[in-house]
Every structure is written in structure tokens, then in C-alpha cells.
C-alpha atoms as a PDB file:
ATOM      1  CA  MET A   1      -9.568   9.770 -16.263  1.00  0.00           C
ATOM      2  CA  THR A   2      -6.016  10.067 -17.480  1.00  0.00           C
ATOM      3  CA  SER A   3      -4.110   7.801 -19.829  1.00  0.00           C
ATOM      4  CA  ILE A   4      -0.615   6.335 -19.791  1.00  0.00           C
ATOM      5  CA  THR A   5       1.633   4.858 -22.458  1.00  0.00           C
ATOM      6  CA  VAL A   6       3.540   1.610 -22.017  1.00  0.00           C
ATOM      7  CA  ARG A   7       6.165   0.197 -24.361  1.00  0.00           C
ATOM      8  CA  ILE A   8       6.082  -3.559 -24.826  1.00  0.00           C
ATOM      9  CA  PRO A   9       7.842  -5.951 -27.208  1.00  0.00           C
ATOM     10  CA  ASP A  10       6.169  -6.448 -30.600  1.00  0.00           C
ATOM     11  CA  ASP A  11       5.695 -10.182 -30.039  1.00  0.00           C
ATOM     12  CA  LEU A  12       3.886  -9.536 -26.755  1.00  0.00           C
ATOM     13  CA  LYS A  13       1.528  -7.092 -28.481  1.00  0.00           C
ATOM     14  CA  LYS A  14       0.736  -9.722 -31.127  1.00  0.00           C
ATOM     15  CA  GLU A  15      -0.055 -12.296 -28.422  1.00  0.00           C
ATOM     16  CA  ILE A  16      -2.234  -9.806 -26.549  1.00  0.00           C
ATOM     17  CA  GLU A  17      -4.207  -9.068 -29.693  1.00  0.00           C
ATOM     18  CA  ALA A  18      -4.485 -12.750 -30.634  1.00  0.00           C
ATOM     19  CA  LEU A  19      -5.766 -13.672 -27.185  1.00  0.00           C
ATOM     20  CA  GLY A  20      -8.109 -10.713 -26.895  1.00  0.00           C
ATOM     21  CA  VAL A  21      -6.581  -9.453 -23.656  1.00  0.00           C
ATOM     22  CA  GLN A  22      -8.387  -6.425 -22.241  1.00  0.00           C
ATOM     23  CA  VAL A  23      -5.230  -4.324 -21.845  1.00  0.00           C
ATOM     24  CA  SER A  24      -6.894  -1.385 -20.112  1.00  0.00           C
ATOM     25  CA  GLN A  25      -8.614  -3.572 -17.532  1.00  0.00           C
ATOM     26  CA  VAL A  26      -5.556  -5.757 -16.888  1.00  0.00           C
ATOM     27  CA  THR A  27      -3.308  -2.709 -16.554  1.00  0.00           C
ATOM     28  CA  ARG A  28      -5.738  -0.855 -14.288  1.00  0.00           C
ATOM     29  CA  THR A  29      -6.156  -3.882 -12.032  1.00  0.00           C
ATOM     30  CA  ALA A  30      -2.398  -4.507 -11.840  1.00  0.00           C
ATOM     31  CA  LEU A  31      -1.702  -0.878 -10.940  1.00  0.00           C
ATOM     32  CA  GLU A  32      -4.464  -0.813  -8.304  1.00  0.00           C
ATOM     33  CA  ASP A  33      -3.076  -4.017  -6.767  1.00  0.00           C
ATOM     34  CA  GLU A  34       0.452  -2.584  -6.704  1.00  0.00           C
ATOM     35  CA  VAL A  35      -0.723   0.645  -5.047  1.00  0.00           C
ATOM     36  CA  ARG A  36      -2.557  -1.364  -2.359  1.00  0.00           C
ATOM     37  CA  ARG A  37       0.528  -3.539  -1.796  1.00  0.00           C
ATOM     38  CA  LEU A  38       2.811  -0.524  -1.448  1.00  0.00           C
ATOM     39  CA  LYS A  39       0.404   1.198   0.967  1.00  0.00           C
ATOM     40  CA  ARG A  40       0.284  -1.954   3.124  1.00  0.00           C
ATOM     41  CA  GLU A  41       4.085  -2.171   3.096  1.00  0.00           C
ATOM     42  CA  LYS A  42       4.391   1.489   4.084  1.00  0.00           C
ATOM     43  CA  ALA A  43       1.892   1.027   6.926  1.00  0.00           C
ATOM     44  CA  LYS A  44       3.724  -2.092   8.090  1.00  0.00           C
ATOM     45  CA  GLN A  45       7.026  -0.223   8.184  1.00  0.00           C
ATOM     46  CA  ALA A  46       5.439   2.635  10.137  1.00  0.00           C
ATOM     47  CA  ALA A  47       3.929   0.175  12.629  1.00  0.00           C
ATOM     48  CA  GLU A  48       7.281  -1.566  13.077  1.00  0.00           C
ATOM     49  CA  LYS A  49       9.002   1.776  13.681  1.00  0.00           C
ATOM     50  CA  LEU A  50       6.347   2.785  16.204  1.00  0.00           C
ATOM     51  CA  SER A  51       6.667  -0.579  17.924  1.00  0.00           C
ATOM     52  CA  ARG A  52      10.423  -0.099  18.297  1.00  0.00           C
ATOM     53  CA  LEU A  53       9.888   3.397  19.716  1.00  0.00           C
ATOM     54  CA  LEU A  54       7.209   2.254  22.157  1.00  0.00           C
ATOM     55  CA  ALA A  55       9.309  -0.691  23.330  1.00  0.00           C
ATOM     56  CA  ASP A  56      11.421   1.762  25.330  1.00  0.00           C
ATOM     57  CA  VAL A  57       8.405   3.393  27.013  1.00  0.00           C
ATOM     58  CA  PRO A  58       7.347   1.785  30.310  1.00  0.00           C
ATOM     59  CA  ASP A  59       3.841   0.297  30.355  1.00  0.00           C
ATOM     60  CA  GLU A  60       2.898   2.571  33.249  1.00  0.00           C
ATOM     61  CA  ALA A  61       3.679   5.665  31.191  1.00  0.00           C
ATOM     62  CA  ILE A  62       1.509   4.439  28.333  1.00  0.00           C
ATOM     63  CA  THR A  63      -1.341   3.613  30.704  1.00  0.00           C
ATOM     64  CA  ARG A  64      -1.070   7.038  32.329  1.00  0.00           C
ATOM     65  CA  ALA A  65      -1.076   8.805  28.949  1.00  0.00           C
ATOM     66  CA  VAL A  66      -4.177   6.887  27.814  1.00  0.00           C
ATOM     67  CA  ARG A  67      -6.022   7.697  31.049  1.00  0.00           C
ATOM     68  CA  GLU A  68      -5.090  11.388  30.829  1.00  0.00           C
ATOM     69  CA  SER A  69      -6.282  11.491  27.223  1.00  0.00           C
ATOM     70  CA  ARG A  70      -9.609   9.910  28.200  1.00  0.00           C
ATOM     71  CA  ASP A  71     -10.033  12.383  31.070  1.00  0.00           C
ATOM     72  CA  GLU A  72      -9.563  15.306  28.683  1.00  0.00           C
ATOM     73  CA  ARG A  73     -12.658  14.312  26.711  1.00  0.00           C
END
């Protein structure tokens, strides 16, 4: 595992200590959540781009391509 350093205001550090916040766990969870969110956003953008590209392709061409791909198996 690797470690990171984060600068926070002194008053926030005092509150964290007073409340017994598990900084490592909270930070790890927040970063994992953000990575998942960004991956979903990236996938959504890719799907939207693909949808725009495929909108110009006639349905018959898509059907033909799928059938040809299945026949190749």
C-alpha cells in the first residue's frame, strides 16, 4: 500500500481528533467513491459518443454486421 499526504486547516484537524474520525478509512472510502464516479462518467460519455455515431448507421447495416459476426464463429 502507498501513502498520501493531505493538508487541512488546523481547526479541522482538532475537530477530527476530538471526534475520533478514522481519517485513513474516511479518505480511502472517499477516494474509492470518486474513482467509481469518474469511471461511470467516462463510460457514460463513451456510450453517448457511440450512440451519436451509430445514429447515422442504418438499422439494416447493423443487423447485417451482427449476422456476419455470428456466422464467423
